Protein backbone atom coordinates (compact mmCIF):
# COMPACT_ATOMS: atom_id res chain seq x y z
CA MET A 1 -24.06 -32.99 -17.19
CA THR A 2 -27.14 -32.28 -15.12
CA MET A 3 -26.19 -32.98 -11.54
CA THR A 4 -28.46 -35.11 -9.40
CA ARG A 5 -28.10 -36.29 -5.83
CA GLU A 6 -27.24 -39.79 -7.08
CA LYS A 7 -24.54 -38.56 -9.47
CA LEU A 8 -22.98 -36.32 -6.86
CA ASP A 9 -22.99 -39.11 -4.28
CA ASP A 10 -21.15 -41.32 -6.79
CA ILE A 11 -18.53 -38.60 -7.42
CA LEU A 12 -18.04 -37.92 -3.73
CA ALA A 13 -17.58 -41.62 -3.07
CA GLY A 14 -18.00 -41.16 0.66
CA ARG A 15 -15.97 -37.94 0.91
CA ARG A 16 -17.41 -35.09 2.98
CA LEU A 17 -18.59 -32.03 1.06
CA VAL A 18 -17.45 -28.66 2.45
CA VAL A 19 -18.91 -25.43 1.05
CA SER A 20 -16.92 -22.21 1.43
CA VAL A 21 -19.38 -19.40 2.14
CA SER A 22 -18.68 -15.67 2.17
CA GLY A 23 -22.12 -14.20 2.76
CA GLY A 24 -22.35 -13.46 -0.96
CA LYS A 25 -24.98 -14.49 -3.45
CA ASP A 26 -23.03 -17.21 -5.26
CA SER A 27 -21.78 -19.20 -2.27
CA THR A 28 -25.30 -18.94 -0.85
CA ALA A 29 -26.65 -20.28 -4.15
CA VAL A 30 -24.36 -23.32 -3.80
CA CYS A 31 -26.02 -24.19 -0.49
CA LEU A 32 -29.48 -23.63 -1.93
CA HIS A 33 -28.58 -25.80 -4.94
CA LEU A 34 -27.54 -28.65 -2.65
CA MET A 35 -30.84 -28.31 -0.82
CA GLU A 36 -32.70 -28.64 -4.11
CA LEU A 37 -30.66 -31.76 -4.88
CA GLY A 38 -31.98 -33.25 -1.65
CA TYR A 39 -29.11 -32.57 0.71
CA ARG A 40 -29.99 -31.65 4.29
CA PRO A 41 -27.85 -29.34 6.44
CA GLY A 42 -26.23 -32.29 8.20
CA ASP A 43 -25.18 -33.86 4.90
CA TYR A 44 -22.43 -31.33 4.23
CA ASP A 45 -20.40 -28.63 6.03
CA ARG A 46 -20.37 -24.85 5.58
CA ILE A 47 -17.29 -22.79 6.51
CA PHE A 48 -16.67 -19.04 6.62
CA MET A 49 -13.22 -17.39 6.82
CA ASP A 50 -13.57 -14.57 9.33
CA THR A 51 -10.97 -11.85 8.66
CA GLY A 52 -12.49 -9.24 10.96
CA TRP A 53 -12.61 -6.93 7.95
CA GLU A 54 -16.13 -7.58 6.67
CA HIS A 55 -19.06 -5.16 6.78
CA SER A 56 -21.29 -5.65 9.82
CA ALA A 57 -24.25 -6.40 7.53
CA THR A 58 -22.38 -9.37 6.07
CA LEU A 59 -21.57 -10.71 9.53
CA GLU A 60 -25.18 -10.32 10.63
CA TYR A 61 -26.34 -12.16 7.50
CA LEU A 62 -23.90 -14.99 8.22
CA ARG A 63 -25.11 -15.24 11.81
CA GLY A 64 -28.83 -14.89 11.15
CA ALA A 65 -30.73 -15.21 7.89
CA LEU A 66 -28.28 -17.51 6.10
CA PRO A 67 -27.84 -20.26 8.72
CA GLU A 68 -31.56 -20.18 9.37
CA HIS A 69 -32.01 -21.34 5.77
CA VAL A 70 -28.98 -23.53 5.09
CA GLY A 71 -27.82 -24.70 8.51
CA HIS A 72 -24.96 -24.00 10.90
CA ILE A 73 -21.93 -22.17 9.47
CA GLU A 74 -18.53 -22.90 11.00
CA TRP A 75 -16.43 -19.74 11.44
CA LEU A 76 -12.69 -20.09 10.90
CA ARG A 77 -10.14 -17.50 11.97
CA ALA A 78 -6.37 -17.26 11.62
CA GLU A 79 -4.15 -16.97 14.68
CA VAL A 80 -1.88 -13.90 14.80
CA ASP A 81 0.76 -13.75 17.52
CA LEU A 82 1.65 -10.24 18.67
CA THR A 83 4.12 -8.72 21.09
CA PRO A 84 2.61 -6.91 24.09
CA GLU A 85 3.23 -3.56 22.37
CA GLN A 86 1.60 -4.76 19.15
CA GLU A 87 -1.31 -6.21 21.11
CA ALA A 88 -2.02 -2.83 22.69
CA ILE A 89 -2.09 -1.12 19.28
CA ALA A 90 -4.28 -3.86 17.80
CA LEU A 91 -6.78 -3.63 20.65
CA GLU A 92 -7.00 0.14 20.19
CA LEU A 93 -7.64 -0.20 16.46
CA GLU A 94 -10.14 -3.01 16.97
CA ALA A 95 -12.09 -0.88 19.43
CA ASP A 96 -12.10 1.92 16.87
CA LEU A 97 -13.21 -0.48 14.13
CA GLY A 98 -15.87 -2.09 16.28
CA GLN A 99 -14.73 -5.66 15.51
CA SER A 100 -12.68 -7.80 17.87
CA PRO A 101 -10.68 -9.73 17.14
CA SER A 102 -9.85 -8.50 13.64
CA THR A 103 -7.16 -10.69 12.16
CA MET A 104 -6.72 -8.23 9.29
CA VAL A 105 -5.94 -5.43 11.73
CA ARG A 106 -3.66 -7.69 13.75
CA LEU A 107 -1.67 -8.86 10.76
CA CYS A 108 -1.24 -5.29 9.48
CA VAL A 109 0.06 -4.29 12.92
CA LYS A 110 2.39 -7.30 13.08
CA LYS A 111 3.84 -6.64 9.63
CA ALA A 112 3.73 -2.82 9.93
CA MET A 113 2.32 -2.74 6.42
CA PHE A 114 -0.78 -3.33 4.34
CA PRO A 115 -1.27 -6.13 1.82
CA GLY A 116 -0.74 -5.22 -1.83
CA ARG A 117 -0.50 -6.54 -5.36
CA VAL A 118 2.98 -7.99 -4.89
CA GLN A 119 2.76 -8.98 -1.23
CA ARG A 120 -0.77 -10.34 -1.31
CA TRP A 121 -0.59 -12.04 2.06
CA CYS A 122 -4.15 -11.26 3.13
CA THR A 123 -5.77 -14.15 1.25
CA GLN A 124 -3.02 -16.64 2.02
CA SER A 125 -2.71 -15.85 5.72
CA LEU A 126 -6.29 -15.02 6.65
CA LYS A 127 -8.31 -17.33 4.42
CA VAL A 128 -6.30 -20.06 2.74
CA LYS A 129 -4.27 -21.20 5.77
CA PRO A 130 -7.28 -21.57 8.12
CA ALA A 131 -9.09 -23.53 5.41
CA ILE A 132 -6.08 -25.81 4.88
CA ILE A 133 -5.90 -26.48 8.63
CA ARG A 134 -9.63 -27.20 8.70
CA MET A 135 -9.51 -29.72 5.84
CA LYS A 136 -6.09 -31.23 6.50
CA GLY A 137 -6.15 -35.00 6.73
CA GLU A 138 -9.83 -35.23 5.82
CA HIS A 139 -11.32 -36.80 2.73
CA VAL A 140 -13.36 -33.86 1.52
CA VAL A 141 -14.49 -32.04 -1.62
CA ASN A 142 -14.57 -28.24 -1.40
CA ALA A 143 -17.54 -26.64 -3.19
CA LEU A 144 -17.13 -23.01 -4.30
CA GLY A 145 -19.51 -20.37 -5.62
CA ILE A 146 -17.66 -19.48 -8.84
CA ARG A 147 -19.45 -18.45 -12.05
CA ALA A 148 -17.73 -18.14 -15.43
CA GLN A 149 -20.00 -15.23 -16.36
CA GLU A 150 -18.40 -12.90 -13.83
CA SER A 151 -14.89 -12.53 -15.25
CA ARG A 152 -12.41 -13.75 -17.81
CA ALA A 153 -10.36 -15.45 -15.10
CA ARG A 154 -13.38 -17.40 -13.90
CA SER A 155 -14.45 -18.33 -17.43
CA ILE A 156 -11.34 -20.50 -17.91
CA MET A 157 -11.64 -22.34 -14.61
CA PRO A 158 -12.74 -25.98 -14.74
CA GLU A 159 -15.77 -27.26 -12.88
CA TRP A 160 -13.63 -29.87 -11.13
CA GLU A 161 -10.00 -29.29 -10.14
CA TYR A 162 -7.47 -30.69 -7.71
CA ALA A 163 -6.17 -28.00 -5.33
CA PRO A 164 -2.59 -28.91 -4.30
CA ALA A 165 -2.52 -26.31 -1.50
CA PHE A 166 -5.58 -27.87 0.14
CA LYS A 167 -4.94 -31.42 -1.09
CA VAL A 168 -8.62 -31.72 -1.92
CA ASP A 169 -10.77 -31.75 -5.03
CA VAL A 170 -12.55 -28.48 -5.78
CA TRP A 171 -16.03 -28.41 -7.28
CA ARG A 172 -17.58 -25.30 -8.84
CA PRO A 173 -21.22 -26.30 -9.27
CA LEU A 174 -22.38 -22.86 -10.49
CA LEU A 175 -19.70 -22.42 -13.13
CA ARG A 176 -22.17 -22.29 -16.04
CA TRP A 177 -24.95 -20.58 -14.14
CA THR A 178 -26.13 -17.11 -15.11
CA TYR A 179 -26.85 -14.19 -12.85
CA GLU A 180 -30.54 -14.85 -13.43
CA ASP A 181 -30.11 -18.44 -12.23
CA VAL A 182 -28.69 -17.15 -8.95
CA ILE A 183 -31.57 -14.74 -8.47
CA ALA A 184 -34.08 -17.47 -9.26
CA ILE A 185 -32.77 -19.94 -6.69
CA HIS A 186 -32.86 -17.24 -3.98
CA GLN A 187 -36.47 -16.55 -4.94
CA ARG A 188 -37.42 -20.22 -4.90
CA ALA A 189 -35.94 -20.52 -1.41
CA ASN A 190 -37.64 -17.31 -0.30
CA LEU A 191 -34.26 -16.06 0.91
CA ALA A 192 -33.26 -12.43 0.54
CA PRO A 193 -29.60 -11.86 -0.43
CA ASN A 194 -27.02 -10.10 1.68
CA PRO A 195 -28.57 -6.65 2.32
CA LEU A 196 -25.48 -4.94 0.90
CA TYR A 197 -26.59 -6.05 -2.56
CA LEU A 198 -29.99 -4.48 -2.07
CA ALA A 199 -28.22 -1.25 -1.11
CA LYS A 200 -26.42 -1.54 -4.48
CA ALA A 201 -22.98 -2.42 -3.15
CA GLU A 202 -20.86 -4.12 -5.81
CA ARG A 203 -18.72 -6.30 -3.55
CA VAL A 204 -19.32 -8.58 -0.59
CA GLY A 205 -16.34 -9.55 1.52
CA CYS A 206 -13.43 -7.49 2.77
CA TRP A 207 -14.56 -3.93 3.43
CA PRO A 208 -12.74 -2.71 1.46
CA CYS A 209 -10.72 -5.17 -0.58
CA ILE A 210 -7.28 -4.05 -1.77
CA PHE A 211 -8.62 -4.66 -5.29
CA ALA A 212 -11.70 -2.47 -4.89
CA ARG A 213 -12.89 -0.65 -7.99
CA LYS A 214 -13.34 3.07 -8.34
CA SER A 215 -17.13 2.82 -8.12
CA GLU A 216 -16.88 0.67 -4.99
CA ILE A 217 -14.77 3.24 -3.16
CA ARG A 218 -17.20 5.98 -4.16
CA TRP A 219 -20.15 3.90 -2.88
CA MET A 220 -18.34 3.15 0.36
CA ALA A 221 -17.54 6.82 0.96
CA GLU A 222 -21.17 7.75 0.38
CA HIS A 223 -22.81 4.99 2.42
CA THR A 224 -20.26 4.04 5.08
CA PRO A 225 -18.08 7.14 5.58
CA GLU A 226 -17.12 5.88 9.03
CA ARG A 227 -15.10 3.12 7.34
CA ILE A 228 -13.16 5.72 5.36
CA GLU A 229 -12.44 7.69 8.53
CA PHE A 230 -11.26 4.53 10.28
CA LEU A 231 -8.96 3.65 7.38
CA ALA A 232 -7.42 7.11 7.53
CA ARG A 233 -6.64 6.65 11.23
CA MET A 234 -5.35 3.13 10.67
CA GLU A 235 -3.09 4.32 7.84
CA SER A 236 -1.53 6.81 10.24
CA ARG A 237 -0.88 4.15 12.89
CA ILE A 238 0.57 1.61 10.45
CA ALA A 239 2.77 4.26 8.82
CA ALA A 240 4.19 5.15 12.25
CA LEU A 241 4.97 1.48 12.89
CA GLN A 242 6.56 1.23 9.46
CA PHE A 243 8.81 4.26 10.03
CA ALA A 244 9.83 3.05 13.50
CA ARG A 245 10.74 -0.41 12.22
CA ARG A 246 12.85 0.96 9.36
CA GLU A 247 14.58 3.40 11.68
CA ALA A 248 15.39 0.64 14.16
CA SER A 249 16.90 -1.47 11.38
CA GLN A 250 18.73 1.57 9.98
CA LYS A 251 16.94 1.31 6.66
CA PRO A 252 16.16 4.43 4.62
CA LYS A 253 12.74 5.96 5.18
CA ILE A 254 10.20 5.31 2.44
CA GLY A 255 6.77 6.73 1.62
CA ALA A 256 4.00 6.22 4.16
CA ALA A 257 2.01 3.01 3.99
CA ALA A 258 -1.58 3.21 2.74
CA TRP A 259 -4.37 0.69 2.20
CA PHE A 260 -4.38 1.09 -1.59
CA GLN A 261 -1.19 0.62 -3.60
CA ASN A 262 -0.81 2.66 -6.79
CA LYS A 263 1.56 3.65 -9.54
CA THR A 264 1.66 7.38 -8.80
CA SER A 265 4.21 7.53 -5.98
CA ARG A 266 6.76 10.31 -6.17
CA THR A 267 9.91 9.71 -8.21
CA ASP A 268 13.41 10.65 -7.11
CA PRO A 269 14.69 13.11 -9.76
CA GLU A 270 18.24 11.78 -9.44
CA THR A 271 17.70 8.02 -9.52
CA GLY A 272 14.37 7.90 -11.33
CA LYS A 273 13.13 5.40 -8.76
CA ARG A 274 9.79 5.67 -7.02
CA ASP A 275 9.91 6.47 -3.32
CA GLY A 276 7.30 3.88 -2.35
CA SER A 277 4.68 6.41 -1.27
CA CYS A 278 1.04 5.44 -1.64
CA MET A 279 -2.10 7.47 -2.04
CA PRO A 280 -3.90 7.84 1.32
CA ILE A 281 -7.53 6.82 1.53
CA LYS A 282 -8.88 10.37 1.60
CA SER A 283 -7.14 11.10 -1.71
CA VAL A 284 -8.42 7.83 -3.15
CA VAL A 285 -11.98 8.86 -2.28
CA GLU A 286 -11.52 12.20 -4.02
CA TRP A 287 -10.18 10.45 -7.09
CA SER A 288 -13.12 8.01 -7.06
CA ARG A 289 -15.47 10.96 -7.50
CA THR A 290 -13.81 12.17 -10.71
CA SER A 291 -15.48 11.55 -14.04
CA ARG A 292 -13.94 9.66 -16.92
CA GLY A 293 -11.85 11.86 -19.16
CA GLY A 294 -10.48 13.99 -16.34
CA ARG A 295 -7.20 13.51 -14.52
CA GLN A 296 -7.29 9.72 -14.44
CA PHE A 297 -4.93 6.88 -13.65
CA GLU A 298 -5.37 3.17 -13.07
CA LEU A 299 -5.27 2.72 -9.33
CA PHE A 300 -6.78 -0.71 -8.85
CA THR A 301 -6.52 -3.91 -10.82
CA ASP A 302 -9.72 -5.55 -12.00
CA LEU A 303 -10.67 -9.05 -10.97
CA ASP A 304 -9.83 -10.71 -14.29
CA GLY A 305 -6.23 -11.26 -13.29
CA HIS A 306 -6.78 -11.82 -9.60
CA GLN A 307 -6.14 -15.42 -8.58
CA GLY A 308 -6.38 -15.09 -4.81
CA CYS A 309 -9.62 -15.35 -2.88
CA VAL A 310 -11.59 -15.12 -6.15
CA ARG A 311 -10.13 -18.39 -7.40
CA TRP A 312 -10.96 -20.23 -4.22
CA GLY A 313 -14.43 -18.76 -3.75
CA MET A 314 -13.60 -16.94 -0.51
CA CYS A 315 -14.83 -13.52 -1.64
CA GLU A 316 -17.38 -12.36 -4.16
CA THR A 317 -18.28 -9.50 -6.43
CA ALA A 318 -21.88 -8.96 -7.33
CA GLU A 319 -24.33 -7.26 -9.56
CA GLU A 320 -27.44 -5.78 -7.99
CA LEU A 321 -30.05 -8.35 -6.99
C-alpha cells in the first residue's frame, strides 16, 4: 500500500506519532518521509535515547544538522542511582570519556560489570525503559527506521506490530525500502547523513556496541584510537570493582571483566569449566587486524539474531552513503 497523508491520518485515528531517532540514516529517512507526506515538525514527535556512549559526531548531528531539517528532537536519558563511592568513580570515568553524564558508564559502575550476550541490560535499561516512561499512558504510534534489506531478522518483521512492552503500535514505514531509497530521500532533502557514514564507519549508535563486528573494531582503532585507550582504562576500573564486590561477598574470583564477551576464556583443566575471563580491548583490536584464514574465532554475534535495540529501531548499522 502506498502511504499517503490521508491514509496515515486514518490509521493513526487521532493518536500521536512518535519517531525514534538515533542519528542514523534510516531513522532520519523516516522523518524525511513524513515531511514528504506533508507532515510538519509540530505534527509528530522525535525522541532520542541518550546513553552517553555515542560518538561525538553523532551527538553533534543530533543537536545541529538533523533538528534544523526535521524539527526539535527530545532527548531521553535513564536515571542511574549511585552510592557516593560509585558516583566518584563514575565522575572520573566521565571526565576521561568527555561525556557527562554517561548512563552507560554509570550503569557499568553500578553493576561492576559490562553488558553481554546473556545479560543484555544495556538496551533494556538505557533505551527501552526511558521510552516506555515517555510513552506511558499516551495514545501514540511509534515509528521506527527498520529496513528488511539489512538483515534476516529485520526481513521477517511486520510493518505494523503491537509492542506489549511499550503498549503502543509500532510502525516501520521503511520496511520495504532499499538502501538507494534512503540515499535518494536524503538527496531530495539536501541533507547530508551522519558524518560517520561519510568517514566509512559501519555503525551509528553506541561507540562501540557490544555486538560490533571485526571490521568495525578495526575502523574504530584506526580512526578513534582514543576510544580504545579509554575502554582499556575503563576495563581496568570495572574489573577492580568486580573483584572487590566478589571478595566482599566471599565469592570465588573470576576472570576480569571486559567490554567484549567471547568464547575463548581459559578453561580449568580439572573441571573443564571456563573461568569467565574475557578478551581485553587491546587484544580484540589486535585480533581485528588479522586476515581471514589465520588464527580466527567468532568473537561477536552478527545482527541477524539480535532482537534488542535493532528490533525497536534504537540503533542502526549502515552501508557507506
